[in-house]
Amino acid sequence: MGALQICTELVLIGLLAGNLLFAIRLERARGGIKQDRDELVRLIRTFDDSNRQAEAGAERLRVAADAAGRAMARQLEGSANLKDDLVDLIERGERLSSRIGGAVRNDLEPTGLSRIPQAEPEMAGSASPRLRSQAERELLRALRVTR
């Protein structure tokens, strides 16, 4: 064997050793990439599960908001009806109050046509009932209703 052949084989052995070391480094890097890939797959699965849970939670929230909105609308409708009733009662009370007040101030019947007859003071043993005006009767009726 000649010196040239030995030199060539030594160069080839060196190149093969370098190639072997490079292959070992590549295999380790590939193992790290595979491990990172597996971790990425786990992260994607976790993200997908979280996304599904968020969608389900959003749907439950939408359903709850719809139900609350419907309940609120019913309450608003009921309160609007109650408000109308209260306004009507206040107007009726004001009209009645002004009629009674006017009759008392003028000492006239609510129609304003005739003078209220003066009632005689009741005497002990008197059988005649005390005369009452229309305004007094309405006032007494209003007082009974408010009790």
N, C-alpha and C. Protein backbone atom coordinates (compact mmCIF):
# COMPACT_ATOMS: atom_id res chain seq x y z
N MET A 1 0.83 -1.14 0.00
CA MET A 1 0.00 0.00 0.00
C MET A 1 0.89 1.22 0.00
N GLY A 2 0.46 2.02 -0.73
CA GLY A 2 1.31 3.17 -0.89
C GLY A 2 0.89 4.27 0.07
N ALA A 3 1.76 5.22 0.19
CA ALA A 3 1.55 6.34 1.09
C ALA A 3 0.34 7.16 0.66
N LEU A 4 0.13 7.24 -0.63
CA LEU A 4 -1.02 8.00 -1.14
C LEU A 4 -2.32 7.34 -0.73
N GLN A 5 -2.34 6.05 -0.81
CA GLN A 5 -3.55 5.32 -0.46
C GLN A 5 -3.82 5.45 1.03
N ILE A 6 -2.80 5.41 1.88
CA ILE A 6 -2.96 5.53 3.33
C ILE A 6 -3.45 6.94 3.65
N CYS A 7 -2.88 7.93 2.97
CA CYS A 7 -3.34 9.32 3.20
C CYS A 7 -4.78 9.47 2.79
N THR A 8 -5.15 8.87 1.67
CA THR A 8 -6.53 8.97 1.20
C THR A 8 -7.47 8.30 2.19
N GLU A 9 -7.09 7.13 2.70
CA GLU A 9 -7.93 6.42 3.65
C GLU A 9 -8.02 7.19 4.96
N LEU A 10 -6.93 7.82 5.38
CA LEU A 10 -6.97 8.63 6.62
C LEU A 10 -7.89 9.84 6.45
N VAL A 11 -7.85 10.44 5.27
CA VAL A 11 -8.74 11.58 5.00
C VAL A 11 -10.19 11.10 4.99
N LEU A 12 -10.42 9.93 4.37
CA LEU A 12 -11.79 9.39 4.34
C LEU A 12 -12.26 9.02 5.75
N ILE A 13 -11.36 8.46 6.57
CA ILE A 13 -11.70 8.11 7.96
C ILE A 13 -12.04 9.39 8.72
N GLY A 14 -11.29 10.43 8.50
CA GLY A 14 -11.56 11.72 9.16
C GLY A 14 -12.91 12.30 8.74
N LEU A 15 -13.13 12.21 7.41
CA LEU A 15 -14.42 12.72 6.91
C LEU A 15 -15.59 11.88 7.45
N LEU A 16 -15.42 10.57 7.50
CA LEU A 16 -16.47 9.71 8.04
C LEU A 16 -16.69 9.98 9.53
N ALA A 17 -15.62 10.22 10.27
CA ALA A 17 -15.75 10.53 11.71
C ALA A 17 -16.47 11.86 11.88
N GLY A 18 -16.12 12.85 11.06
CA GLY A 18 -16.82 14.14 11.12
C GLY A 18 -18.29 13.99 10.76
N ASN A 19 -18.54 13.16 9.73
CA ASN A 19 -19.92 12.90 9.30
C ASN A 19 -20.69 12.20 10.42
N LEU A 20 -20.05 11.27 11.11
CA LEU A 20 -20.69 10.56 12.21
C LEU A 20 -21.03 11.53 13.35
N LEU A 21 -20.09 12.40 13.69
CA LEU A 21 -20.36 13.38 14.75
C LEU A 21 -21.51 14.33 14.34
N PHE A 22 -21.48 14.73 13.08
CA PHE A 22 -22.55 15.61 12.59
C PHE A 22 -23.90 14.88 12.62
N ALA A 23 -23.92 13.60 12.28
CA ALA A 23 -25.16 12.80 12.31
C ALA A 23 -25.68 12.67 13.73
N ILE A 24 -24.75 12.51 14.70
CA ILE A 24 -25.17 12.40 16.11
C ILE A 24 -25.81 13.73 16.56
N ARG A 25 -25.19 14.85 16.19
CA ARG A 25 -25.77 16.18 16.54
C ARG A 25 -27.14 16.35 15.90
N LEU A 26 -27.27 15.95 14.63
CA LEU A 26 -28.57 16.07 13.95
C LEU A 26 -29.63 15.19 14.61
N GLU A 27 -29.24 14.00 15.04
CA GLU A 27 -30.20 13.10 15.70
C GLU A 27 -30.68 13.71 17.02
N ARG A 28 -29.80 14.31 17.78
CA ARG A 28 -30.19 14.97 19.04
C ARG A 28 -31.13 16.15 18.76
N ALA A 29 -30.79 16.92 17.74
CA ALA A 29 -31.65 18.06 17.37
C ALA A 29 -33.03 17.57 16.93
N ARG A 30 -33.03 16.49 16.14
CA ARG A 30 -34.30 15.92 15.68
C ARG A 30 -35.11 15.42 16.87
N GLY A 31 -34.48 14.84 17.86
CA GLY A 31 -35.17 14.39 19.09
C GLY A 31 -35.78 15.58 19.83
N GLY A 32 -35.03 16.68 19.90
CA GLY A 32 -35.56 17.90 20.53
C GLY A 32 -36.74 18.46 19.77
N ILE A 33 -36.64 18.43 18.43
CA ILE A 33 -37.75 18.91 17.60
C ILE A 33 -38.98 18.03 17.79
N LYS A 34 -38.76 16.71 17.84
CA LYS A 34 -39.88 15.79 18.05
C LYS A 34 -40.52 16.05 19.40
N GLN A 35 -39.71 16.28 20.43
CA GLN A 35 -40.23 16.57 21.76
C GLN A 35 -41.01 17.90 21.74
N ASP A 36 -40.46 18.90 21.06
CA ASP A 36 -41.16 20.19 20.94
C ASP A 36 -42.46 20.03 20.16
N ARG A 37 -42.43 19.17 19.12
CA ARG A 37 -43.64 18.92 18.33
C ARG A 37 -44.72 18.28 19.20
N ASP A 38 -44.34 17.32 20.03
CA ASP A 38 -45.30 16.67 20.93
C ASP A 38 -45.88 17.69 21.92
N GLU A 39 -45.02 18.57 22.41
CA GLU A 39 -45.48 19.62 23.33
C GLU A 39 -46.45 20.57 22.61
N LEU A 40 -46.14 20.89 21.36
CA LEU A 40 -47.02 21.76 20.57
C LEU A 40 -48.38 21.10 20.35
N VAL A 41 -48.40 19.81 20.09
CA VAL A 41 -49.66 19.07 19.92
C VAL A 41 -50.47 19.13 21.21
N ARG A 42 -49.81 18.94 22.36
CA ARG A 42 -50.52 19.02 23.64
C ARG A 42 -51.09 20.42 23.86
N LEU A 43 -50.31 21.43 23.53
CA LEU A 43 -50.78 22.81 23.68
C LEU A 43 -51.99 23.09 22.78
N ILE A 44 -51.94 22.57 21.57
CA ILE A 44 -53.07 22.78 20.63
C ILE A 44 -54.31 22.08 21.17
N ARG A 45 -54.16 20.87 21.70
CA ARG A 45 -55.32 20.17 22.27
C ARG A 45 -55.89 20.94 23.46
N THR A 46 -55.00 21.44 24.32
CA THR A 46 -55.45 22.22 25.48
C THR A 46 -56.17 23.48 25.02
N PHE A 47 -55.62 24.14 24.02
CA PHE A 47 -56.25 25.35 23.47
C PHE A 47 -57.62 25.02 22.88
N ASP A 48 -57.71 23.91 22.17
CA ASP A 48 -58.98 23.50 21.57
C ASP A 48 -60.03 23.21 22.65
N ASP A 49 -59.62 22.51 23.71
CA ASP A 49 -60.55 22.24 24.82
C ASP A 49 -61.00 23.55 25.47
N SER A 50 -60.06 24.45 25.70
CA SER A 50 -60.41 25.75 26.30
C SER A 50 -61.36 26.52 25.40
N ASN A 51 -61.12 26.45 24.11
CA ASN A 51 -61.99 27.14 23.15
C ASN A 51 -63.40 26.57 23.19
N ARG A 52 -63.52 25.26 23.25
CA ARG A 52 -64.86 24.64 23.33
C ARG A 52 -65.58 25.05 24.62
N GLN A 53 -64.84 25.07 25.73
CA GLN A 53 -65.43 25.47 27.00
C GLN A 53 -65.87 26.93 26.96
N ALA A 54 -65.08 27.78 26.32
CA ALA A 54 -65.45 29.19 26.21
C ALA A 54 -66.70 29.35 25.35
N GLU A 55 -66.81 28.60 24.27
CA GLU A 55 -68.00 28.66 23.42
C GLU A 55 -69.23 28.19 24.18
N ALA A 56 -69.09 27.11 24.94
CA ALA A 56 -70.22 26.61 25.73
C ALA A 56 -70.61 27.62 26.80
N GLY A 57 -69.62 28.24 27.44
CA GLY A 57 -69.91 29.26 28.45
C GLY A 57 -70.59 30.48 27.83
N ALA A 58 -70.16 30.87 26.65
CA ALA A 58 -70.78 32.01 25.97
C ALA A 58 -72.23 31.68 25.62
N GLU A 59 -72.49 30.46 25.21
CA GLU A 59 -73.87 30.06 24.88
C GLU A 59 -74.74 30.07 26.14
N ARG A 60 -74.20 29.55 27.25
CA ARG A 60 -74.96 29.57 28.50
C ARG A 60 -75.23 31.01 28.94
N LEU A 61 -74.24 31.86 28.77
CA LEU A 61 -74.39 33.26 29.13
C LEU A 61 -75.45 33.94 28.26
N ARG A 62 -75.47 33.62 26.97
CA ARG A 62 -76.48 34.19 26.07
C ARG A 62 -77.88 33.75 26.47
N VAL A 63 -78.03 32.47 26.79
CA VAL A 63 -79.34 31.96 27.21
C VAL A 63 -79.78 32.64 28.51
N ALA A 64 -78.86 32.78 29.45
CA ALA A 64 -79.20 33.43 30.73
C ALA A 64 -79.55 34.90 30.51
N ALA A 65 -78.83 35.57 29.63
CA ALA A 65 -79.12 36.98 29.34
C ALA A 65 -80.49 37.12 28.67
N ASP A 66 -80.82 36.20 27.77
CA ASP A 66 -82.15 36.24 27.13
C ASP A 66 -83.25 36.05 28.16
N ALA A 67 -83.06 35.09 29.05
CA ALA A 67 -84.07 34.84 30.08
C ALA A 67 -84.22 36.05 31.00
N ALA A 68 -83.09 36.63 31.39
CA ALA A 68 -83.14 37.82 32.25
C ALA A 68 -83.80 38.98 31.52
N GLY A 69 -83.53 39.12 30.24
CA GLY A 69 -84.15 40.19 29.45
C GLY A 69 -85.66 40.02 29.36
N ARG A 70 -86.10 38.78 29.16
CA ARG A 70 -87.55 38.54 29.10
C ARG A 70 -88.21 38.82 30.45
N ALA A 71 -87.57 38.39 31.54
CA ALA A 71 -88.12 38.65 32.87
C ALA A 71 -88.18 40.15 33.15
N MET A 72 -87.14 40.85 32.74
CA MET A 72 -87.10 42.31 32.94
C MET A 72 -88.21 42.99 32.13
N ALA A 73 -88.43 42.52 30.91
CA ALA A 73 -89.49 43.10 30.07
C ALA A 73 -90.86 42.89 30.72
N ARG A 74 -91.07 41.69 31.29
CA ARG A 74 -92.36 41.44 31.96
C ARG A 74 -92.52 42.37 33.16
N GLN A 75 -91.44 42.56 33.93
CA GLN A 75 -91.52 43.44 35.09
C GLN A 75 -91.76 44.88 34.66
N LEU A 76 -91.11 45.31 33.60
CA LEU A 76 -91.32 46.67 33.10
C LEU A 76 -92.76 46.86 32.63
N GLU A 77 -93.29 45.85 31.97
CA GLU A 77 -94.67 45.94 31.50
C GLU A 77 -95.63 46.04 32.69
N GLY A 78 -95.38 45.21 33.70
CA GLY A 78 -96.22 45.25 34.90
C GLY A 78 -96.09 46.58 35.63
N SER A 79 -94.88 47.11 35.69
CA SER A 79 -94.69 48.39 36.38
C SER A 79 -95.32 49.53 35.58
N ALA A 80 -95.33 49.44 34.27
CA ALA A 80 -95.99 50.47 33.45
C ALA A 80 -97.49 50.45 33.71
N ASN A 81 -98.07 49.25 33.79
CA ASN A 81 -99.50 49.14 34.10
C ASN A 81 -99.80 49.70 35.48
N LEU A 82 -98.95 49.38 36.44
CA LEU A 82 -99.13 49.88 37.80
C LEU A 82 -99.01 51.40 37.83
N LYS A 83 -98.06 51.94 37.09
CA LYS A 83 -97.88 53.39 37.02
C LYS A 83 -99.14 54.05 36.47
N ASP A 84 -99.70 53.47 35.39
CA ASP A 84 -100.93 54.03 34.82
C ASP A 84 -102.07 54.00 35.83
N ASP A 85 -102.18 52.88 36.56
CA ASP A 85 -103.23 52.79 37.58
C ASP A 85 -103.04 53.83 38.67
N LEU A 86 -101.78 54.01 39.10
CA LEU A 86 -101.51 55.00 40.15
C LEU A 86 -101.81 56.41 39.67
N VAL A 87 -101.46 56.72 38.44
CA VAL A 87 -101.75 58.06 37.89
C VAL A 87 -103.26 58.28 37.85
N ASP A 88 -104.01 57.26 37.44
CA ASP A 88 -105.47 57.37 37.39
C ASP A 88 -106.04 57.58 38.80
N LEU A 89 -105.54 56.82 39.78
CA LEU A 89 -106.03 56.97 41.15
C LEU A 89 -105.70 58.36 41.71
N ILE A 90 -104.52 58.86 41.40
CA ILE A 90 -104.14 60.19 41.88
C ILE A 90 -105.04 61.25 41.27
N GLU A 91 -105.30 61.14 39.98
CA GLU A 91 -106.18 62.12 39.32
C GLU A 91 -107.60 62.07 39.92
N ARG A 92 -108.10 60.86 40.15
CA ARG A 92 -109.44 60.75 40.74
C ARG A 92 -109.46 61.33 42.15
N GLY A 93 -108.40 61.07 42.92
CA GLY A 93 -108.32 61.60 44.28
C GLY A 93 -108.24 63.12 44.27
N GLU A 94 -107.47 63.67 43.33
CA GLU A 94 -107.38 65.14 43.24
C GLU A 94 -108.73 65.76 42.87
N ARG A 95 -109.43 65.12 41.95
CA ARG A 95 -110.76 65.64 41.57
C ARG A 95 -111.72 65.60 42.75
N LEU A 96 -111.72 64.48 43.47
CA LEU A 96 -112.60 64.35 44.62
C LEU A 96 -112.21 65.36 45.70
N SER A 97 -110.93 65.52 45.93
CA SER A 97 -110.46 66.47 46.94
C SER A 97 -110.86 67.90 46.58
N SER A 98 -110.72 68.24 45.32
CA SER A 98 -111.08 69.61 44.93
C SER A 98 -112.60 69.82 45.04
N ARG A 99 -113.39 68.79 44.71
CA ARG A 99 -114.85 68.92 44.86
C ARG A 99 -115.24 69.11 46.32
N ILE A 100 -114.65 68.27 47.19
CA ILE A 100 -114.97 68.37 48.61
C ILE A 100 -114.47 69.69 49.18
N GLY A 101 -113.24 70.06 48.83
CA GLY A 101 -112.68 71.31 49.33
C GLY A 101 -113.48 72.52 48.88
N GLY A 102 -113.89 72.51 47.61
CA GLY A 102 -114.70 73.63 47.11
C GLY A 102 -116.03 73.71 47.83
N ALA A 103 -116.64 72.57 48.09
CA ALA A 103 -117.93 72.56 48.77
C ALA A 103 -117.78 73.06 50.21
N VAL A 104 -116.71 72.65 50.87
CA VAL A 104 -116.52 73.08 52.25
C VAL A 104 -116.20 74.57 52.31
N ARG A 105 -115.35 75.06 51.41
CA ARG A 105 -114.99 76.48 51.41
C ARG A 105 -116.19 77.37 51.13
N ASN A 106 -116.99 76.98 50.22
CA ASN A 106 -118.14 77.81 49.84
C ASN A 106 -119.38 77.52 50.66
N ASP A 107 -119.31 76.50 51.49
CA ASP A 107 -120.45 76.09 52.29
C ASP A 107 -121.63 75.81 51.39
N LEU A 108 -121.34 75.23 50.21
CA LEU A 108 -122.38 74.91 49.24
C LEU A 108 -122.33 73.42 48.94
N GLU A 109 -123.37 72.92 48.35
CA GLU A 109 -123.36 71.54 47.88
C GLU A 109 -122.38 71.45 46.71
N PRO A 110 -121.91 70.25 46.38
CA PRO A 110 -120.95 70.13 45.29
C PRO A 110 -121.49 70.66 43.96
N THR A 111 -122.79 70.69 43.80
CA THR A 111 -123.33 71.23 42.55
C THR A 111 -123.28 72.74 42.56
N GLY A 112 -123.18 73.33 43.72
CA GLY A 112 -123.05 74.78 43.82
C GLY A 112 -124.37 75.51 43.66
N LEU A 113 -125.52 74.83 43.74
CA LEU A 113 -126.80 75.46 43.48
C LEU A 113 -127.53 75.91 44.73
N SER A 114 -127.40 75.19 45.79
CA SER A 114 -128.17 75.58 46.97
C SER A 114 -127.27 75.57 48.20
N ARG A 115 -127.71 76.28 49.16
CA ARG A 115 -126.98 76.39 50.41
C ARG A 115 -127.20 75.11 51.21
N ILE A 116 -126.15 74.68 51.98
CA ILE A 116 -126.27 73.49 52.81
C ILE A 116 -127.18 73.83 53.98
N PRO A 117 -128.17 73.00 54.20
CA PRO A 117 -129.04 73.29 55.34
C PRO A 117 -128.28 73.12 56.63
N GLN A 118 -128.49 74.05 57.54
CA GLN A 118 -127.82 73.99 58.84
C GLN A 118 -128.49 72.93 59.69
N ALA A 119 -127.68 72.08 60.25
CA ALA A 119 -128.22 71.02 61.09
C ALA A 119 -128.42 71.59 62.48
N GLU A 120 -129.48 71.20 63.06
CA GLU A 120 -129.77 71.61 64.43
C GLU A 120 -128.89 70.79 65.35
N PRO A 121 -128.37 71.37 66.38
CA PRO A 121 -127.60 70.57 67.32
C PRO A 121 -128.47 69.49 67.91
N GLU A 122 -127.91 68.35 68.03
CA GLU A 122 -128.68 67.23 68.57
C GLU A 122 -128.87 67.42 70.05
N MET A 123 -130.05 67.23 70.43
CA MET A 123 -130.37 67.34 71.85
C MET A 123 -130.50 65.95 72.41
N ALA A 124 -130.29 65.88 73.67
CA ALA A 124 -130.42 64.59 74.32
C ALA A 124 -131.85 64.14 74.20
N GLY A 125 -132.04 62.95 73.72
CA GLY A 125 -133.37 62.40 73.60
C GLY A 125 -134.05 62.81 72.31
N SER A 126 -133.41 63.54 71.43
CA SER A 126 -134.03 63.97 70.18
C SER A 126 -134.08 62.79 69.24
N ALA A 127 -135.19 62.58 68.62
CA ALA A 127 -135.37 61.44 67.73
C ALA A 127 -135.02 61.80 66.30
N SER A 128 -134.87 63.08 65.97
CA SER A 128 -134.62 63.46 64.57
C SER A 128 -133.13 63.27 64.25
N PRO A 129 -132.81 62.60 63.13
CA PRO A 129 -131.42 62.42 62.75
C PRO A 129 -130.82 63.73 62.27
N ARG A 130 -129.54 63.85 62.43
CA ARG A 130 -128.84 65.06 62.03
C ARG A 130 -128.79 65.10 60.50
N LEU A 131 -129.06 66.27 59.92
CA LEU A 131 -129.01 66.41 58.46
C LEU A 131 -127.56 66.52 58.01
N ARG A 132 -127.23 65.84 56.90
CA ARG A 132 -125.88 65.89 56.37
C ARG A 132 -125.93 66.34 54.93
N SER A 133 -124.96 67.15 54.55
CA SER A 133 -124.89 67.61 53.17
C SER A 133 -124.25 66.54 52.30
N GLN A 134 -124.37 66.72 51.00
CA GLN A 134 -123.75 65.79 50.05
C GLN A 134 -122.23 65.78 50.23
N ALA A 135 -121.63 66.91 50.50
CA ALA A 135 -120.19 67.00 50.69
C ALA A 135 -119.76 66.21 51.92
N GLU A 136 -120.54 66.29 53.01
CA GLU A 136 -120.19 65.53 54.21
C GLU A 136 -120.29 64.04 53.94
N ARG A 137 -121.33 63.64 53.21
CA ARG A 137 -121.49 62.21 52.90
C ARG A 137 -120.32 61.71 52.05
N GLU A 138 -119.90 62.49 51.06
CA GLU A 138 -118.77 62.09 50.23
C GLU A 138 -117.48 62.03 51.03
N LEU A 139 -117.32 63.00 51.93
CA LEU A 139 -116.13 63.01 52.77
C LEU A 139 -116.10 61.79 53.68
N LEU A 140 -117.22 61.45 54.26
CA LEU A 140 -117.29 60.28 55.12
C LEU A 140 -117.04 58.99 54.31
N ARG A 141 -117.59 58.93 53.13
CA ARG A 141 -117.37 57.77 52.27
C ARG A 141 -115.89 57.65 51.89
N ALA A 142 -115.26 58.75 51.56
CA ALA A 142 -113.84 58.75 51.22
C ALA A 142 -112.99 58.32 52.41
N LEU A 143 -113.36 58.78 53.60
CA LEU A 143 -112.61 58.40 54.80
C LEU A 143 -112.75 56.90 55.10
N ARG A 144 -113.96 56.38 54.86
CA ARG A 144 -114.17 54.95 55.10
C ARG A 144 -113.35 54.11 54.12
N VAL A 145 -113.27 54.58 52.88
CA VAL A 145 -112.52 53.82 51.87
C VAL A 145 -111.04 53.82 52.19
N THR A 146 -110.51 54.90 52.73
CA THR A 146 -109.08 54.98 53.02
C THR A 146 -108.68 54.16 54.22
N ARG A 147 -109.60 53.79 55.06
CA ARG A 147 -109.28 52.98 56.25
C ARG A 147 -108.97 51.63 55.81
